[in-house]
Each structure stands twice: as structure tokens, then as C-alpha cells.
Amino acid sequence: MLIDHFDRRINYLRISVTNRCNLNCLYCRPLGTKQPSINDGLSRQEIVTVVHAATQLGISHIRLTGGEPLLRADLPELVGELSSIPDVTDLSLTTNGQLLSDIAEELAAAGLQRVNVSMDSLDSDRYQHLTGGGNLEQVWAGIRASQQAGLAPIKLNVVLIRGYNDTEVTDFAQLAREHGMNVRFIELMPMGAAASEAEALFYSADAARRQLAAELGRQTESGPGPATIWRLGRGTVGFIAAGSNPPCGTCNRLRLTTRGMLRPCLTSDIELDLTAALASPHPITATQQALREAVALKPRQGGHLTAEAPSTTEMSCVGG
């Protein structure tokens, strides 16, 4: 079992399987910024080795992220191998949905259980602007394909952006209420190329919650993630207040970056290189030691809440 110095049990590993992305979202990798070198991350066998090692120490929740994970050619094979590991009880993926309709059924057949779909606007033109060219109808096609494949309930990730989608909170709530969606409103994080704009674009989860105060039902039990969740009609709405009311006290996760670095905290640049462990004669044992060291380095609070400068690491390399 992995328990850090602040008595937090670590049971969740997010793995960025590529830093490539087919969108240029305003708050992540906006058009005109320097793009990182293309990196599909660790090999499939290396990722499987890390997960085998992690599950033996109590990690049970695995989320595949990016970049855009659907751009990784061997993703279905990776999902199949991870889903066969007995102690992986929750295997999920976060995607922008642009390619989801063509692969949802294959991923479900390989053992993927759930998908989170990033959708920051319900207006086609606004969505295209926010994402640097994304097609909203393709996202809806991916959601329909995922539902048909059994990758449900669908979660919609909505990064709150002042002046862009703060007027759409009630529209997203309607999706939850009437169509059984699980909507998650997420505060903007000051990271990467867009960190300098984060303060101007910030819209709080509490402000979004106040828009829905008259509609929210009972608060429900939270899942493995940091959201506080309310029942709303057939679905739910959740709020991730990582900036204004950070859930650091209950943080249960580590991240594995595309460069093979274990990252104990999203917004701190503390990292531990796994490449030597994976190349050792006994990679499981060496990786477990690295996991223990990463947990020991896990700070009480995120770097955005302390005197640290905003992380310069792109969100696409860390896995969000």
C-alpha cells in the first residue's frame, strides 16, 4: 500500500500515453505557441510493467490521457493488456472525442470501462474557436458510439473559461438532467504556455455552482477523482475547484508523463525519472522502489498554491 507523509492513500495513476494532440485548445496549447517534440511516451511493454508494479502496491484506478490518447497507434493493444491485469479495477480514458466514433467499440471490446470527453462548449463556432479547429459534431458522434459500445455513463469535462463558456453552465446542466450525462466543471489551472492568461480567464467552480443552486439535488458520494458531485435529474454535475478550493488534502494520485517521469503533483515540477528502473534487470522491483520514492516526494499542496512559479510543463505532457 502507498501512503504518503500526509496519510493520503495513493491508489490512482494517470498515464500520458502521447503528447501529440489534434487540437490547439486556448488554455493548453494555443495556436502560435511553440509545440513540444512529438513523443508517444513509453513503450507498451514499459507501461504494462509500470502498472503491474503499481497494482502490487495498491494502485487500482488507471486513466490513460495525453495529449490525445487516440492518436497512439497501439492504444487498443495497450488497453487490452492493462485490462487483463487483475488488480486494475477501473480503467478509463480521457479524450477530446475527435476520433472516438471510429474506435469506441474496439476499445470497449479490449476492456476499457469508461471515457471522459472534453467538451468546453455546446456551440459549434465557440467550440471550434476554443479548440483551434475542433469539430463539435465529431465529438457527439464519438459520444453516441461510446454509449452504444457500453462505455457509459459518459463524463463530459468542461474547463470553465471566463468570457467564453461561463454562460453555458445551465446548458450543460440540462444535458445532465435530461440525458443522463455526468458533467464535470473544472477550474482552469495555471500551467504551460497559457499560464500567463490563467488569471484573466479564471471562472470559479463556486460561481458555476451558484448558477445551478436552485436545481441541484442531493450531494452524492465522490468517485476516485477530486470532484464534488450532485445529482441532477437523470445525471450528475460535479465541480473540481483545484484553484479556489483545492482538494489537495484527499489527493490520491500519481502521474506518469510521456517522458517516463513520475510526477507526484500536477502543478509542481517535482519529478522522478523511471527510465533507469524500467531498464534494470528487475524492472518490477525497481519501479516499485521508484513509486515509493515518488509518494515520499508528494507535497502537501500543489505548486500553484505555494511560492512556486507556475509549472512550465505542458498539460499534454503531464496528462491533466
C-alpha atoms as a PDB file:
ATOM      1  CA  MET A   1       0.000   0.000   0.000  1.00  0.00           C
ATOM      2  CA  LEU A   2       1.226   3.505  -0.882  1.00  0.00           C
ATOM      3  CA  ILE A   3       0.611   6.109   1.833  1.00  0.00           C
ATOM      4  CA  ASP A   4       2.338   9.480   1.751  1.00  0.00           C
ATOM      5  CA  HIS A   5       3.647  11.624   4.601  1.00  0.00           C
ATOM      6  CA  PHE A   6       0.235  13.273   4.994  1.00  0.00           C
ATOM      7  CA  ASP A   7      -1.635   9.974   5.436  1.00  0.00           C
ATOM      8  CA  ARG A   8      -3.126  10.031   1.939  1.00  0.00           C
ATOM      9  CA  ARG A   9      -3.570   6.623   0.351  1.00  0.00           C
ATOM     10  CA  ILE A  10      -2.375   6.674  -3.264  1.00  0.00           C
ATOM     11  CA  ASN A  11      -4.437   4.366  -5.470  1.00  0.00           C
ATOM     12  CA  TYR A  12      -4.799   6.256  -8.770  1.00  0.00           C
ATOM     13  CA  LEU A  13      -2.283   6.509 -11.628  1.00  0.00           C
ATOM     14  CA  ARG A  14      -2.784   8.758 -14.656  1.00  0.00           C
ATOM     15  CA  ILE A  15      -0.636   7.847 -17.650  1.00  0.00           C
ATOM     16  CA  SER A  16       0.023  10.237 -20.523  1.00  0.00           C
ATOM     17  CA  VAL A  17       0.478   7.870 -23.474  1.00  0.00           C
ATOM     18  CA  THR A  18       1.375  10.598 -26.004  1.00  0.00           C
ATOM     19  CA  ASN A  19       1.940  14.346 -26.040  1.00  0.00           C
ATOM     20  CA  ARG A  20       0.566  14.595 -29.578  1.00  0.00           C
ATOM     21  CA  CYS A  21      -2.771  16.332 -29.987  1.00  0.00           C
ATOM     22  CA  ASN A  22      -5.007  17.134 -32.935  1.00  0.00           C
ATOM     23  CA  LEU A  23      -6.391  20.287 -31.292  1.00  0.00           C
ATOM     24  CA  ASN A  24      -4.889  23.567 -30.072  1.00  0.00           C
ATOM     25  CA  CYS A  25      -7.036  24.461 -27.081  1.00  0.00           C
ATOM     26  CA  LEU A  26      -6.882  28.017 -25.819  1.00  0.00           C
ATOM     27  CA  TYR A  27      -5.809  27.065 -22.282  1.00  0.00           C
ATOM     28  CA  CYS A  28      -3.487  24.159 -23.124  1.00  0.00           C
ATOM     29  CA  ARG A  29      -1.578  24.514 -26.384  1.00  0.00           C
ATOM     30  CA  PRO A  30      -2.941  27.585 -28.173  1.00  0.00           C
ATOM     31  CA  LEU A  31      -2.113  28.302 -31.795  1.00  0.00           C
ATOM     32  CA  GLY A  32       1.123  30.231 -32.136  1.00  0.00           C
ATOM     33  CA  THR A  33       2.871  28.651 -29.157  1.00  0.00           C
ATOM     34  CA  LYS A  34       5.962  26.515 -29.539  1.00  0.00           C
ATOM     35  CA  GLN A  35       4.955  22.891 -29.896  1.00  0.00           C
ATOM     36  CA  PRO A  36       6.857  20.195 -27.976  1.00  0.00           C
ATOM     37  CA  SER A  37       8.679  17.487 -29.887  1.00  0.00           C
ATOM     38  CA  ILE A  38       6.381  14.580 -30.734  1.00  0.00           C
ATOM     39  CA  ASN A  39       6.593  11.848 -28.127  1.00  0.00           C
ATOM     40  CA  ASP A  40       4.416   8.759 -27.808  1.00  0.00           C
ATOM     41  CA  GLY A  41       5.841   8.134 -24.402  1.00  0.00           C
ATOM     42  CA  LEU A  42       6.963   4.825 -23.003  1.00  0.00           C
ATOM     43  CA  SER A  43       6.601   1.619 -24.985  1.00  0.00           C
ATOM     44  CA  ARG A  44       3.534  -0.529 -24.432  1.00  0.00           C
ATOM     45  CA  GLN A  45       5.580  -3.076 -22.504  1.00  0.00           C
ATOM     46  CA  GLU A  46       7.078  -0.378 -20.276  1.00  0.00           C
ATOM     47  CA  ILE A  47       3.626   1.000 -19.423  1.00  0.00           C
ATOM     48  CA  VAL A  48       2.344  -2.500 -18.662  1.00  0.00           C
ATOM     49  CA  THR A  49       5.368  -3.085 -16.419  1.00  0.00           C
ATOM     50  CA  VAL A  50       4.685   0.136 -14.501  1.00  0.00           C
ATOM     51  CA  VAL A  51       1.041  -0.810 -13.990  1.00  0.00           C
ATOM     52  CA  HIS A  52       1.934  -4.343 -12.859  1.00  0.00           C
ATOM     53  CA  ALA A  53       4.329  -2.832 -10.312  1.00  0.00           C
ATOM     54  CA  ALA A  54       1.828  -0.194  -9.211  1.00  0.00           C
ATOM     55  CA  THR A  55      -1.092  -2.562  -8.712  1.00  0.00           C
ATOM     56  CA  GLN A  56       1.018  -4.722  -6.428  1.00  0.00           C
ATOM     57  CA  LEU A  57       1.367  -1.624  -4.219  1.00  0.00           C
ATOM     58  CA  GLY A  58      -2.356  -0.845  -4.139  1.00  0.00           C
ATOM     59  CA  ILE A  59      -2.910   1.239  -7.288  1.00  0.00           C
ATOM     60  CA  SER A  60      -6.274   0.167  -8.733  1.00  0.00           C
ATOM     61  CA  HIS A  61      -7.501   3.133 -10.828  1.00  0.00           C
ATOM     62  CA  ILE A  62      -5.746   3.699 -14.156  1.00  0.00           C
ATOM     63  CA  ARG A  63      -6.578   6.567 -16.527  1.00  0.00           C
ATOM     64  CA  LEU A  64      -4.996   6.928 -19.957  1.00  0.00           C
ATOM     65  CA  THR A  65      -4.551  10.506 -21.077  1.00  0.00           C
ATOM     66  CA  GLY A  66      -2.455  12.684 -23.360  1.00  0.00           C
ATOM     67  CA  GLY A  67      -2.201  14.818 -25.429  1.00  0.00           C
ATOM     68  CA  GLU A  68      -4.864  12.952 -27.309  1.00  0.00           C
ATOM     69  CA  PRO A  69      -4.503   9.249 -26.445  1.00  0.00           C
ATOM     70  CA  LEU A  70      -6.483   8.107 -29.502  1.00  0.00           C
ATOM     71  CA  LEU A  71      -3.547   9.241 -31.666  1.00  0.00           C
ATOM     72  CA  ARG A  72      -1.429   6.412 -30.254  1.00  0.00           C
ATOM     73  CA  ALA A  73      -1.474   3.596 -32.815  1.00  0.00           C
ATOM     74  CA  ASP A  74      -1.233   0.709 -30.347  1.00  0.00           C
ATOM     75  CA  LEU A  75      -3.833   2.053 -27.926  1.00  0.00           C
ATOM     76  CA  PRO A  76      -6.293  -0.869 -28.294  1.00  0.00           C
ATOM     77  CA  GLU A  77      -3.489  -3.355 -27.625  1.00  0.00           C
ATOM     78  CA  LEU A  78      -2.358  -1.326 -24.612  1.00  0.00           C
ATOM     79  CA  VAL A  79      -5.914  -1.239 -23.244  1.00  0.00           C
ATOM     80  CA  GLY A  80      -6.208  -4.994 -23.741  1.00  0.00           C
ATOM     81  CA  GLU A  81      -3.021  -5.714 -21.808  1.00  0.00           C
ATOM     82  CA  LEU A  82      -3.888  -3.337 -18.967  1.00  0.00           C
ATOM     83  CA  SER A  83      -7.431  -4.663 -18.643  1.00  0.00           C
ATOM     84  CA  SER A  84      -6.041  -8.173 -18.167  1.00  0.00           C
ATOM     85  CA  ILE A  85      -4.149  -7.137 -15.018  1.00  0.00           C
ATOM     86  CA  PRO A  86      -6.371  -8.499 -12.209  1.00  0.00           C
ATOM     87  CA  ASP A  87      -5.925  -5.621  -9.744  1.00  0.00           C
ATOM     88  CA  VAL A  88      -6.881  -2.903 -12.248  1.00  0.00           C
ATOM     89  CA  THR A  89     -10.458  -2.355 -11.118  1.00  0.00           C
ATOM     90  CA  ASP A  90     -11.091   0.891 -13.012  1.00  0.00           C
ATOM     91  CA  LEU A  91      -9.617   1.513 -16.473  1.00  0.00           C
ATOM     92  CA  SER A  92     -10.671   4.744 -18.138  1.00  0.00           C
ATOM     93  CA  LEU A  93      -9.544   7.240 -20.765  1.00  0.00           C
ATOM     94  CA  THR A  94      -9.808  10.977 -21.357  1.00  0.00           C
ATOM     95  CA  THR A  95     -10.213  12.130 -24.957  1.00  0.00           C
ATOM     96  CA  ASN A  96     -11.219  15.192 -26.931  1.00  0.00           C
ATOM     97  CA  GLY A  97     -13.563  12.914 -28.878  1.00  0.00           C
ATOM     98  CA  GLN A  98     -12.494  13.886 -32.386  1.00  0.00           C
ATOM     99  CA  LEU A  99     -11.546  10.291 -33.291  1.00  0.00           C
ATOM    100  CA  LEU A 100     -13.728   8.447 -30.813  1.00  0.00           C
ATOM    101  CA  SER A 101     -16.533   7.294 -33.097  1.00  0.00           C
ATOM    102  CA  ASP A 102     -14.164   5.089 -35.112  1.00  0.00           C
ATOM    103  CA  ILE A 103     -12.539   3.336 -32.160  1.00  0.00           C
ATOM    104  CA  ALA A 104     -15.034   3.275 -29.256  1.00  0.00           C
ATOM    105  CA  GLU A 105     -16.280  -0.240 -29.984  1.00  0.00           C
ATOM    106  CA  GLU A 106     -12.736  -1.620 -30.329  1.00  0.00           C
ATOM    107  CA  LEU A 107     -11.637  -0.013 -27.049  1.00  0.00           C
ATOM    108  CA  ALA A 108     -14.668  -1.365 -25.215  1.00  0.00           C
ATOM    109  CA  ALA A 109     -14.002  -4.851 -26.596  1.00  0.00           C
ATOM    110  CA  ALA A 110     -10.382  -4.555 -25.383  1.00  0.00           C
ATOM    111  CA  GLY A 111     -11.557  -3.861 -21.845  1.00  0.00           C
ATOM    112  CA  LEU A 112     -11.848  -0.092 -21.497  1.00  0.00           C
ATOM    113  CA  GLN A 113     -14.592   0.714 -18.987  1.00  0.00           C
ATOM    114  CA  ARG A 114     -15.244   4.439 -19.191  1.00  0.00           C
ATOM    115  CA  VAL A 115     -14.443   7.567 -21.189  1.00  0.00           C
ATOM    116  CA  ASN A 116     -14.263  11.205 -20.192  1.00  0.00           C
ATOM    117  CA  VAL A 117     -14.838  13.520 -23.134  1.00  0.00           C
ATOM    118  CA  SER A 118     -13.517  17.083 -23.125  1.00  0.00           C
ATOM    119  CA  MET A 119     -16.211  19.446 -24.372  1.00  0.00           C
ATOM    120  CA  ASP A 120     -15.812  23.080 -23.392  1.00  0.00           C
ATOM    121  CA  SER A 121     -18.738  24.472 -25.363  1.00  0.00           C
ATOM    122  CA  LEU A 122     -22.055  23.331 -26.827  1.00  0.00           C
ATOM    123  CA  ASP A 123     -21.896  25.999 -29.513  1.00  0.00           C
ATOM    124  CA  SER A 124     -20.160  24.740 -32.677  1.00  0.00           C
ATOM    125  CA  ASP A 125     -18.467  28.033 -33.541  1.00  0.00           C
ATOM    126  CA  ARG A 126     -17.327  28.688 -29.993  1.00  0.00           C
ATOM    127  CA  TYR A 127     -16.070  25.117 -29.654  1.00  0.00           C
ATOM    128  CA  GLN A 128     -14.093  25.490 -32.871  1.00  0.00           C
ATOM    129  CA  HIS A 129     -12.544  28.712 -31.588  1.00  0.00           C
ATOM    130  CA  LEU A 130     -11.688  27.342 -28.137  1.00  0.00           C
ATOM    131  CA  THR A 131     -10.093  24.211 -29.583  1.00  0.00           C
ATOM    132  CA  GLY A 132      -8.279  25.771 -32.500  1.00  0.00           C
ATOM    133  CA  GLY A 133     -10.315  23.970 -35.138  1.00  0.00           C
ATOM    134  CA  GLY A 134     -12.223  21.141 -33.443  1.00  0.00           C
ATOM    135  CA  ASN A 135     -15.463  19.751 -34.872  1.00  0.00           C
ATOM    136  CA  LEU A 136     -18.239  19.503 -32.289  1.00  0.00           C
ATOM    137  CA  GLU A 137     -20.348  17.106 -34.352  1.00  0.00           C
ATOM    138  CA  GLN A 138     -17.461  14.626 -34.368  1.00  0.00           C
ATOM    139  CA  VAL A 139     -17.468  14.764 -30.576  1.00  0.00           C
ATOM    140  CA  TRP A 140     -21.188  14.000 -30.471  1.00  0.00           C
ATOM    141  CA  ALA A 141     -20.636  11.106 -32.871  1.00  0.00           C
ATOM    142  CA  GLY A 142     -17.968   9.757 -30.539  1.00  0.00           C
ATOM    143  CA  ILE A 143     -20.266  10.066 -27.538  1.00  0.00           C
ATOM    144  CA  ARG A 144     -23.036   8.171 -29.330  1.00  0.00           C
ATOM    145  CA  ALA A 145     -20.595   5.441 -30.373  1.00  0.00           C
ATOM    146  CA  SER A 146     -19.301   5.162 -26.804  1.00  0.00           C
ATOM    147  CA  GLN A 147     -22.793   4.812 -25.404  1.00  0.00           C
ATOM    148  CA  GLN A 148     -23.601   2.092 -27.937  1.00  0.00           C
ATOM    149  CA  ALA A 149     -20.360   0.296 -27.039  1.00  0.00           C
ATOM    150  CA  GLY A 150     -21.199   0.347 -23.329  1.00  0.00           C
ATOM    151  CA  LEU A 151     -18.616   2.950 -22.311  1.00  0.00           C
ATOM    152  CA  ALA A 152     -21.142   4.619 -20.056  1.00  0.00           C
ATOM    153  CA  PRO A 153     -22.031   6.684 -18.220  1.00  0.00           C
ATOM    154  CA  ILE A 154     -20.221   9.318 -20.266  1.00  0.00           C
ATOM    155  CA  LYS A 155     -18.446  12.093 -18.393  1.00  0.00           C
ATOM    156  CA  LEU A 156     -18.136  15.493 -20.019  1.00  0.00           C
ATOM    157  CA  ASN A 157     -15.163  17.587 -18.870  1.00  0.00           C
ATOM    158  CA  VAL A 158     -15.866  21.314 -19.088  1.00  0.00           C
ATOM    159  CA  VAL A 159     -12.966  23.648 -18.305  1.00  0.00           C
ATOM    160  CA  LEU A 160     -14.544  26.871 -17.083  1.00  0.00           C
ATOM    161  CA  ILE A 161     -13.264  29.882 -19.050  1.00  0.00           C
ATOM    162  CA  ARG A 162     -14.412  33.388 -18.208  1.00  0.00           C
ATOM    163  CA  GLY A 163     -15.827  35.237 -21.162  1.00  0.00           C
ATOM    164  CA  TYR A 164     -16.154  32.083 -23.245  1.00  0.00           C
ATOM    165  CA  ASN A 165     -18.307  29.363 -21.690  1.00  0.00           C
ATOM    166  CA  ASP A 166     -19.352  30.744 -18.296  1.00  0.00           C
ATOM    167  CA  THR A 167     -22.762  31.465 -19.836  1.00  0.00           C
ATOM    168  CA  GLU A 168     -23.198  27.800 -20.817  1.00  0.00           C
ATOM    169  CA  VAL A 169     -23.259  26.297 -17.320  1.00  0.00           C
ATOM    170  CA  THR A 170     -27.042  25.885 -17.327  1.00  0.00           C
ATOM    171  CA  ASP A 171     -26.965  24.379 -20.821  1.00  0.00           C
ATOM    172  CA  PHE A 172     -24.523  21.711 -19.703  1.00  0.00           C
ATOM    173  CA  ALA A 173     -26.660  21.106 -16.627  1.00  0.00           C
ATOM    174  CA  GLN A 174     -29.604  20.455 -18.916  1.00  0.00           C
ATOM    175  CA  LEU A 175     -27.595  17.697 -20.615  1.00  0.00           C
ATOM    176  CA  ALA A 176     -27.056  16.080 -17.230  1.00  0.00           C
ATOM    177  CA  ARG A 177     -30.668  16.470 -16.139  1.00  0.00           C
ATOM    178  CA  GLU A 178     -32.385  15.318 -19.306  1.00  0.00           C
ATOM    179  CA  HIS A 179     -29.894  12.957 -20.961  1.00  0.00           C
ATOM    180  CA  GLY A 180     -28.155  11.271 -18.024  1.00  0.00           C
ATOM    181  CA  MET A 181     -24.743  12.814 -18.653  1.00  0.00           C
ATOM    182  CA  ASN A 182     -22.181  13.255 -15.890  1.00  0.00           C
ATOM    183  CA  VAL A 183     -20.860  16.790 -16.339  1.00  0.00           C
ATOM    184  CA  ARG A 184     -17.698  17.950 -14.569  1.00  0.00           C
ATOM    185  CA  PHE A 185     -16.952  21.673 -14.340  1.00  0.00           C
ATOM    186  CA  ILE A 186     -13.196  22.140 -13.904  1.00  0.00           C
ATOM    187  CA  GLU A 187     -11.357  25.278 -12.857  1.00  0.00           C
ATOM    188  CA  LEU A 188      -8.601  26.453 -15.179  1.00  0.00           C
ATOM    189  CA  MET A 189      -5.098  25.602 -13.978  1.00  0.00           C
ATOM    190  CA  PRO A 190      -2.111  27.973 -14.413  1.00  0.00           C
ATOM    191  CA  MET A 191       0.164  25.700 -16.409  1.00  0.00           C
ATOM    192  CA  GLY A 192       2.231  25.689 -19.574  1.00  0.00           C
ATOM    193  CA  ALA A 193       2.006  28.222 -22.370  1.00  0.00           C
ATOM    194  CA  ALA A 194      -1.343  29.585 -21.201  1.00  0.00           C
ATOM    195  CA  ALA A 195      -0.279  30.187 -17.581  1.00  0.00           C
ATOM    196  CA  SER A 196       0.072  33.933 -18.145  1.00  0.00           C
ATOM    197  CA  GLU A 197      -3.581  34.153 -19.200  1.00  0.00           C
ATOM    198  CA  ALA A 198      -4.964  31.944 -16.451  1.00  0.00           C
ATOM    199  CA  GLU A 199      -5.938  34.745 -14.063  1.00  0.00           C
ATOM    200  CA  ALA A 200      -7.886  36.681 -16.692  1.00  0.00           C
ATOM    201  CA  LEU A 201      -9.667  33.542 -17.905  1.00  0.00           C
ATOM    202  CA  PHE A 202     -10.388  32.057 -14.479  1.00  0.00           C
ATOM    203  CA  TYR A 203     -14.025  31.337 -13.576  1.00  0.00           C
ATOM    204  CA  SER A 204     -14.586  29.594 -10.264  1.00  0.00           C
ATOM    205  CA  ALA A 205     -16.393  26.339  -9.673  1.00  0.00           C
ATOM    206  CA  ASP A 206     -18.313  28.072  -6.901  1.00  0.00           C
ATOM    207  CA  ALA A 207     -19.641  30.652  -9.358  1.00  0.00           C
ATOM    208  CA  ALA A 208     -20.782  27.822 -11.633  1.00  0.00           C
ATOM    209  CA  ARG A 209     -22.404  26.050  -8.701  1.00  0.00           C
ATOM    210  CA  ARG A 210     -24.278  29.206  -7.727  1.00  0.00           C
ATOM    211  CA  GLN A 211     -25.781  29.312 -11.216  1.00  0.00           C
ATOM    212  CA  LEU A 212     -27.301  25.888 -10.524  1.00  0.00           C
ATOM    213  CA  ALA A 213     -28.062  26.235  -6.808  1.00  0.00           C
ATOM    214  CA  ALA A 214     -31.837  26.068  -7.241  1.00  0.00           C
ATOM    215  CA  GLU A 215     -31.622  22.878  -9.327  1.00  0.00           C
ATOM    216  CA  LEU A 216     -29.097  20.682  -7.582  1.00  0.00           C
ATOM    217  CA  GLY A 217     -30.370  17.575  -5.846  1.00  0.00           C
ATOM    218  CA  ARG A 218     -28.558  15.701  -3.110  1.00  0.00           C
ATOM    219  CA  GLN A 219     -24.795  15.600  -2.978  1.00  0.00           C
ATOM    220  CA  THR A 220     -23.570  12.116  -3.826  1.00  0.00           C
ATOM    221  CA  GLU A 221     -20.523  10.104  -2.902  1.00  0.00           C
ATOM    222  CA  SER A 222     -17.475  11.150  -4.891  1.00  0.00           C
ATOM    223  CA  GLY A 223     -15.573   8.718  -7.104  1.00  0.00           C
ATOM    224  CA  PRO A 224     -11.794   8.272  -7.296  1.00  0.00           C
ATOM    225  CA  GLY A 225     -11.327  11.771  -8.711  1.00  0.00           C
ATOM    226  CA  PRO A 226     -11.388  15.175  -6.982  1.00  0.00           C
ATOM    227  CA  ALA A 227     -14.913  16.309  -7.965  1.00  0.00           C
ATOM    228  CA  THR A 228     -17.708  17.077  -5.530  1.00  0.00           C
ATOM    229  CA  ILE A 229     -20.819  15.664  -7.163  1.00  0.00           C
ATOM    230  CA  TRP A 230     -24.538  16.456  -7.073  1.00  0.00           C
ATOM    231  CA  ARG A 231     -27.442  14.526  -8.519  1.00  0.00           C
ATOM    232  CA  LEU A 232     -29.321  16.443 -11.206  1.00  0.00           C
ATOM    233  CA  GLY A 233     -32.260  14.715 -12.857  1.00  0.00           C
ATOM    234  CA  ARG A 234     -31.059  11.650 -14.752  1.00  0.00           C
ATOM    235  CA  GLY A 235     -27.396  12.619 -14.443  1.00  0.00           C
ATOM    236  CA  THR A 236     -24.921  14.403 -12.206  1.00  0.00           C
ATOM    237  CA  VAL A 237     -22.887  17.588 -12.138  1.00  0.00           C
ATOM    238  CA  GLY A 238     -19.535  17.803 -10.426  1.00  0.00           C
ATOM    239  CA  PHE A 239     -17.188  20.647  -9.585  1.00  0.00           C
ATOM    240  CA  ILE A 240     -13.396  20.454  -9.438  1.00  0.00           C
ATOM    241  CA  ALA A 241     -12.183  23.561  -7.623  1.00  0.00           C
ATOM    242  CA  ALA A 242      -8.470  22.906  -7.998  1.00  0.00           C
ATOM    243  CA  GLY A 243      -7.608  26.605  -7.692  1.00  0.00           C
ATOM    244  CA  SER A 244     -10.162  28.150  -5.360  1.00  0.00           C
ATOM    245  CA  ASN A 245     -10.821  25.217  -3.010  1.00  0.00           C
ATOM    246  CA  PRO A 246      -8.162  22.646  -3.857  1.00  0.00           C
ATOM    247  CA  PRO A 247      -8.761  19.005  -2.893  1.00  0.00           C
ATOM    248  CA  CYS A 248      -5.077  18.502  -2.064  1.00  0.00           C
ATOM    249  CA  GLY A 249      -5.929  17.003   1.322  1.00  0.00           C
ATOM    250  CA  THR A 250      -7.520  13.988  -0.321  1.00  0.00           C
ATOM    251  CA  CYS A 251      -5.297  13.724  -3.418  1.00  0.00           C
ATOM    252  CA  ASN A 252      -4.842  10.045  -4.217  1.00  0.00           C
ATOM    253  CA  ARG A 253      -2.871  10.135  -7.457  1.00  0.00           C
ATOM    254  CA  LEU A 254       0.442   9.968  -9.234  1.00  0.00           C
ATOM    255  CA  ARG A 255       1.090  10.823 -12.866  1.00  0.00           C
ATOM    256  CA  LEU A 256       3.344   9.191 -15.417  1.00  0.00           C
ATOM    257  CA  THR A 257       4.445  11.623 -18.106  1.00  0.00           C
ATOM    258  CA  THR A 258       5.302  10.986 -21.735  1.00  0.00           C
ATOM    259  CA  ARG A 259       8.984  11.315 -20.825  1.00  0.00           C
ATOM    260  CA  GLY A 260       8.780   8.442 -18.349  1.00  0.00           C
ATOM    261  CA  MET A 261       8.744  10.708 -15.317  1.00  0.00           C
ATOM    262  CA  LEU A 262       6.690  10.020 -12.209  1.00  0.00           C
ATOM    263  CA  ARG A 263       5.069  13.249 -11.119  1.00  0.00           C
ATOM    264  CA  PRO A 264       3.657  13.340  -7.565  1.00  0.00           C
ATOM    265  CA  CYS A 265       1.690  16.578  -8.118  1.00  0.00           C
ATOM    266  CA  LEU A 266       0.125  18.088 -11.223  1.00  0.00           C
ATOM    267  CA  THR A 267       1.236  21.668 -10.601  1.00  0.00           C
ATOM    268  CA  SER A 268       4.623  21.016  -9.013  1.00  0.00           C
ATOM    269  CA  ASP A 269       7.611  20.301 -11.248  1.00  0.00           C
ATOM    270  CA  ILE A 270       8.935  17.651  -8.853  1.00  0.00           C
ATOM    271  CA  GLU A 271       9.597  14.556 -10.986  1.00  0.00           C
ATOM    272  CA  LEU A 272      11.318  11.210 -10.654  1.00  0.00           C
ATOM    273  CA  ASP A 273      12.792   9.506 -13.720  1.00  0.00           C
ATOM    274  CA  LEU A 274      11.570   5.929 -14.252  1.00  0.00           C
ATOM    275  CA  THR A 275      13.719   5.058 -17.248  1.00  0.00           C
ATOM    276  CA  ALA A 276      16.576   3.545 -15.229  1.00  0.00           C
ATOM    277  CA  ALA A 277      14.182   1.431 -13.205  1.00  0.00           C
ATOM    278  CA  LEU A 278      12.495   0.104 -16.333  1.00  0.00           C
ATOM    279  CA  ALA A 279      15.856  -0.757 -17.888  1.00  0.00           C
ATOM    280  CA  SER A 280      17.118  -2.584 -14.806  1.00  0.00           C
ATOM    281  CA  PRO A 281      17.423  -6.391 -14.587  1.00  0.00           C
ATOM    282  CA  HIS A 282      14.455  -6.436 -12.186  1.00  0.00           C
ATOM    283  CA  PRO A 283      12.121  -3.739 -13.519  1.00  0.00           C
ATOM    284  CA  ILE A 284       9.117  -4.544 -11.301  1.00  0.00           C
ATOM    285  CA  THR A 285      11.130  -4.269  -8.084  1.00  0.00           C
ATOM    286  CA  ALA A 286      12.988  -1.172  -9.275  1.00  0.00           C
ATOM    287  CA  THR A 287       9.778   0.502 -10.421  1.00  0.00           C
ATOM    288  CA  GLN A 288       8.123  -0.195  -7.087  1.00  0.00           C
ATOM    289  CA  GLN A 289      11.012   1.487  -5.316  1.00  0.00           C
ATOM    290  CA  ALA A 290      10.624   4.486  -7.616  1.00  0.00           C
ATOM    291  CA  LEU A 291       6.891   4.603  -6.890  1.00  0.00           C
ATOM    292  CA  ARG A 292       7.592   4.638  -3.152  1.00  0.00           C
ATOM    293  CA  GLU A 293      10.105   7.452  -3.633  1.00  0.00           C
ATOM    294  CA  ALA A 294       7.614   9.455  -5.690  1.00  0.00           C
ATOM    295  CA  VAL A 295       4.978   9.084  -2.995  1.00  0.00           C
ATOM    296  CA  ALA A 296       7.502  10.241  -0.389  1.00  0.00           C
ATOM    297  CA  LEU A 297       8.065  13.385  -2.501  1.00  0.00           C
ATOM    298  CA  LYS A 298       4.366  14.186  -2.780  1.00  0.00           C
ATOM    299  CA  PRO A 299       3.846  17.720  -1.398  1.00  0.00           C
ATOM    300  CA  ARG A 300       1.051  18.719   0.958  1.00  0.00           C
ATOM    301  CA  GLN A 301      -0.231  21.270  -1.580  1.00  0.00           C
ATOM    302  CA  GLY A 302       0.008  21.893  -5.294  1.00  0.00           C
ATOM    303  CA  GLY A 303       2.694  24.199  -6.599  1.00  0.00           C
ATOM    304  CA  HIS A 304       0.060  26.727  -7.707  1.00  0.00           C
ATOM    305  CA  LEU A 305      -0.845  27.244  -4.023  1.00  0.00           C
ATOM    306  CA  THR A 306       2.677  27.821  -2.742  1.00  0.00           C
ATOM    307  CA  ALA A 307       5.534  30.139  -3.634  1.00  0.00           C
ATOM    308  CA  GLU A 308       6.489  28.002  -6.616  1.00  0.00           C
ATOM    309  CA  ALA A 309       6.311  29.562 -10.056  1.00  0.00           C
ATOM    310  CA  PRO A 310       3.586  28.175 -12.327  1.00  0.00           C
ATOM    311  CA  SER A 311       4.605  24.893 -13.884  1.00  0.00           C
ATOM    312  CA  THR A 312       6.148  25.350 -17.316  1.00  0.00           C
ATOM    313  CA  THR A 313       5.279  21.771 -18.288  1.00  0.00           C
ATOM    314  CA  GLU A 314       2.584  21.450 -20.931  1.00  0.00           C
ATOM    315  CA  MET A 315      -0.596  19.814 -19.665  1.00  0.00           C
ATOM    316  CA  SER A 316      -0.451  17.472 -22.670  1.00  0.00           C
ATOM    317  CA  CYS A 317       2.830  16.004 -21.437  1.00  0.00           C
ATOM    318  CA  VAL A 318       1.605  15.512 -17.881  1.00  0.00           C
ATOM    319  CA  GLY A 319      -1.783  14.033 -18.619  1.00  0.00           C
ATOM    320  CA  GLY A 320      -4.012  16.618 -16.942  1.00  0.00           C
END
